[in-house]
C-alpha atoms as a PDB file:
ATOM      1  CA  ALA A   1      66.026 171.891 161.173  1.00  0.00           C
ATOM      2  CA  LEU A   2      65.848 168.798 163.316  1.00  0.00           C
ATOM      3  CA  SER A   3      65.115 165.536 161.621  1.00  0.00           C
ATOM      4  CA  TYR A   4      62.759 162.916 162.976  1.00  0.00           C
ATOM      5  CA  ALA A   5      65.730 160.623 163.715  1.00  0.00           C
ATOM      6  CA  GLU A   6      67.485 163.304 165.778  1.00  0.00           C
ATOM      7  CA  ILE A   7      64.358 163.889 167.857  1.00  0.00           C
ATOM      8  CA  GLY A   8      63.927 160.142 168.373  1.00  0.00           C
ATOM      9  CA  GLU A   9      67.559 159.727 169.392  1.00  0.00           C
ATOM     10  CA  GLY A  10      67.229 162.617 171.865  1.00  0.00           C
ATOM     11  CA  ALA A  11      64.138 161.064 173.396  1.00  0.00           C
ATOM     12  CA  ALA A  12      65.913 157.701 173.656  1.00  0.00           C
ATOM     13  CA  GLU A  13      68.942 159.308 175.339  1.00  0.00           C
ATOM     14  CA  GLY A  14      66.711 161.150 177.776  1.00  0.00           C
ATOM     15  CA  TYR A  15      64.872 157.942 178.598  1.00  0.00           C
ATOM     16  CA  GLU A  16      68.164 156.094 179.223  1.00  0.00           C
ATOM     17  CA  LEU A  17      69.375 158.832 181.574  1.00  0.00           C
ATOM     18  CA  MET A  18      66.057 158.933 183.454  1.00  0.00           C
ATOM     19  CA  ALA A  19      65.777 155.149 183.723  1.00  0.00           C
ATOM     20  CA  GLY A  20      69.372 154.768 184.898  1.00  0.00           C
ATOM     21  CA  SER A  21      68.962 157.444 187.554  1.00  0.00           C
ATOM     22  CA  ALA A  22      65.662 155.993 188.733  1.00  0.00           C
ATOM     23  CA  ARG A  23      67.181 152.520 188.970  1.00  0.00           C
ATOM     24  CA  GLU A  24      70.120 153.843 191.018  1.00  0.00           C
ATOM     25  CA  GLN A  25      67.852 155.818 193.355  1.00  0.00           C
ATOM     26  CA  ALA A  26      65.451 152.911 193.868  1.00  0.00           C
ATOM     27  CA  THR A  27      68.313 150.497 194.551  1.00  0.00           C
ATOM     28  CA  SER A  28      69.918 152.854 197.034  1.00  0.00           C
ATOM     29  CA  TYR A  29      66.690 153.529 198.903  1.00  0.00           C
ATOM     30  CA  VAL A  30      65.630 149.878 199.094  1.00  0.00           C
ATOM     31  CA  SER A  31      69.132 148.771 200.115  1.00  0.00           C
ATOM     32  CA  LYS A  32      69.236 151.252 202.989  1.00  0.00           C
ATOM     33  CA  LYS A  33      65.712 150.483 204.157  1.00  0.00           C
ATOM     34  CA  TYR A  34      65.514 146.698 203.645  1.00  0.00           C
ATOM     35  CA  GLY A  35      69.074 145.442 203.091  1.00  0.00           C
ATOM     36  CA  LYS A  36      71.463 144.543 200.329  1.00  0.00           C
ATOM     37  CA  GLU A  37      69.531 141.589 198.913  1.00  0.00           C
ATOM     38  CA  ALA A  38      66.338 143.631 198.656  1.00  0.00           C
ATOM     39  CA  GLY A  39      68.354 146.348 196.917  1.00  0.00           C
ATOM     40  CA  GLU A  40      69.607 143.847 194.335  1.00  0.00           C
ATOM     41  CA  LEU A  41      66.035 142.693 193.725  1.00  0.00           C
ATOM     42  CA  ALA A  42      64.974 146.318 193.247  1.00  0.00           C
ATOM     43  CA  ARG A  43      67.849 146.840 190.795  1.00  0.00           C
ATOM     44  CA  HIS A  44      66.832 143.831 188.702  1.00  0.00           C
ATOM     45  CA  THR A  45      63.144 144.783 188.812  1.00  0.00           C
ATOM     46  CA  ALA A  46      63.893 148.369 187.801  1.00  0.00           C
ATOM     47  CA  GLY A  47      66.157 147.069 185.031  1.00  0.00           C
ATOM     48  CA  ALA A  48      63.371 144.852 183.691  1.00  0.00           C
ATOM     49  CA  ALA A  49      60.935 147.777 183.786  1.00  0.00           C
ATOM     50  CA  ALA A  50      63.473 149.972 181.960  1.00  0.00           C
ATOM     51  CA  ASN A  51      63.916 147.293 179.280  1.00  0.00           C
ATOM     52  CA  PHE A  52      60.158 147.096 178.789  1.00  0.00           C
ATOM     53  CA  GLY A  53      59.965 150.884 178.498  1.00  0.00           C
ATOM     54  CA  ARG A  54      62.838 150.886 175.998  1.00  0.00           C
ATOM     55  CA  ALA A  55      61.040 148.267 173.891  1.00  0.00           C
ATOM     56  CA  ALA A  56      57.801 150.287 173.989  1.00  0.00           C
ATOM     57  CA  LEU A  57      59.657 153.458 172.963  1.00  0.00           C
ATOM     58  CA  THR A  58      61.318 151.662 170.075  1.00  0.00           C
ATOM     59  CA  ALA A  59      58.043 150.161 168.893  1.00  0.00           C
ATOM     60  CA  ARG A  60      56.379 153.552 169.006  1.00  0.00           C
ATOM     61  CA  ARG A  61      59.162 155.116 166.939  1.00  0.00           C
ATOM     62  CA  VAL A  62      58.810 152.367 164.299  1.00  0.00           C
ATOM     63  CA  VAL A  63      55.033 152.775 164.149  1.00  0.00           C
ATOM     64  CA  ASP A  64      55.353 156.577 163.892  1.00  0.00           C
ATOM     65  CA  VAL A  65      57.828 156.245 161.022  1.00  0.00           C
ATOM     66  CA  LYS A  66      55.448 153.963 159.122  1.00  0.00           C
ATOM     67  CA  ARG A  67      52.583 156.385 159.665  1.00  0.00           C
ATOM     68  CA  MET A  68      54.729 159.322 158.452  1.00  0.00           C
ATOM     69  CA  VAL A  69      55.753 157.416 155.306  1.00  0.00           C
ATOM     70  CA  LYS A  70      52.112 156.571 154.549  1.00  0.00           C
ATOM     71  CA  LYS A  71      51.038 160.212 154.984  1.00  0.00           C
ATOM     72  CA  ALA A  72      53.888 161.432 152.761  1.00  0.00           C
ATOM     73  CA  ALA A  73      52.991 158.886 150.097  1.00  0.00           C
ATOM     74  CA  ARG A  74      49.324 159.924 150.159  1.00  0.00           C
ATOM     75  CA  ARG A  75      50.265 163.592 149.815  1.00  0.00           C
ATOM     76  CA  ARG A  76      52.607 162.823 146.926  1.00  0.00           C
ATOM     77  CA  VAL A  77      49.940 160.801 145.079  1.00  0.00           C
ATOM     78  CA  LYS A  78      47.465 163.679 145.486  1.00  0.00           C
ATOM     79  CA  GLU A  79      50.029 166.180 144.182  1.00  0.00           C
ATOM     80  CA  VAL A  80      50.846 163.994 141.165  1.00  0.00           C
ATOM     81  CA  ALA A  81      47.141 163.488 140.405  1.00  0.00           C
ATOM     82  CA  LYS A  82      46.448 167.215 140.736  1.00  0.00           C
ATOM     83  CA  ASN A  83      49.341 168.079 138.391  1.00  0.00           C
ATOM     84  CA  ALA A  84      48.255 165.419 135.866  1.00  0.00           C
ATOM     85  CA  VAL A  85      44.764 166.967 135.642  1.00  0.00           C
ATOM     86  CA  ARG A  86      46.158 170.399 134.821  1.00  0.00           C
END
């Protein structure tokens, strides 16, 4: 069975591959159409956008982990309470 961490790592790897490819394609297109300096600007802009996306993905993974821990704790408390009543 896959763990939550493995799924998160796979999503992060996929994001990195997609962002890197998109940055390369955007840089190449802009460079050919508008020149080398414009291509460099596109590369830096795409890099900044990728960094923002990476930060958002990381934040989401942290929030999801906290939510999962809270749910597991609630379930455990209910189970303990149910067994104590018996």
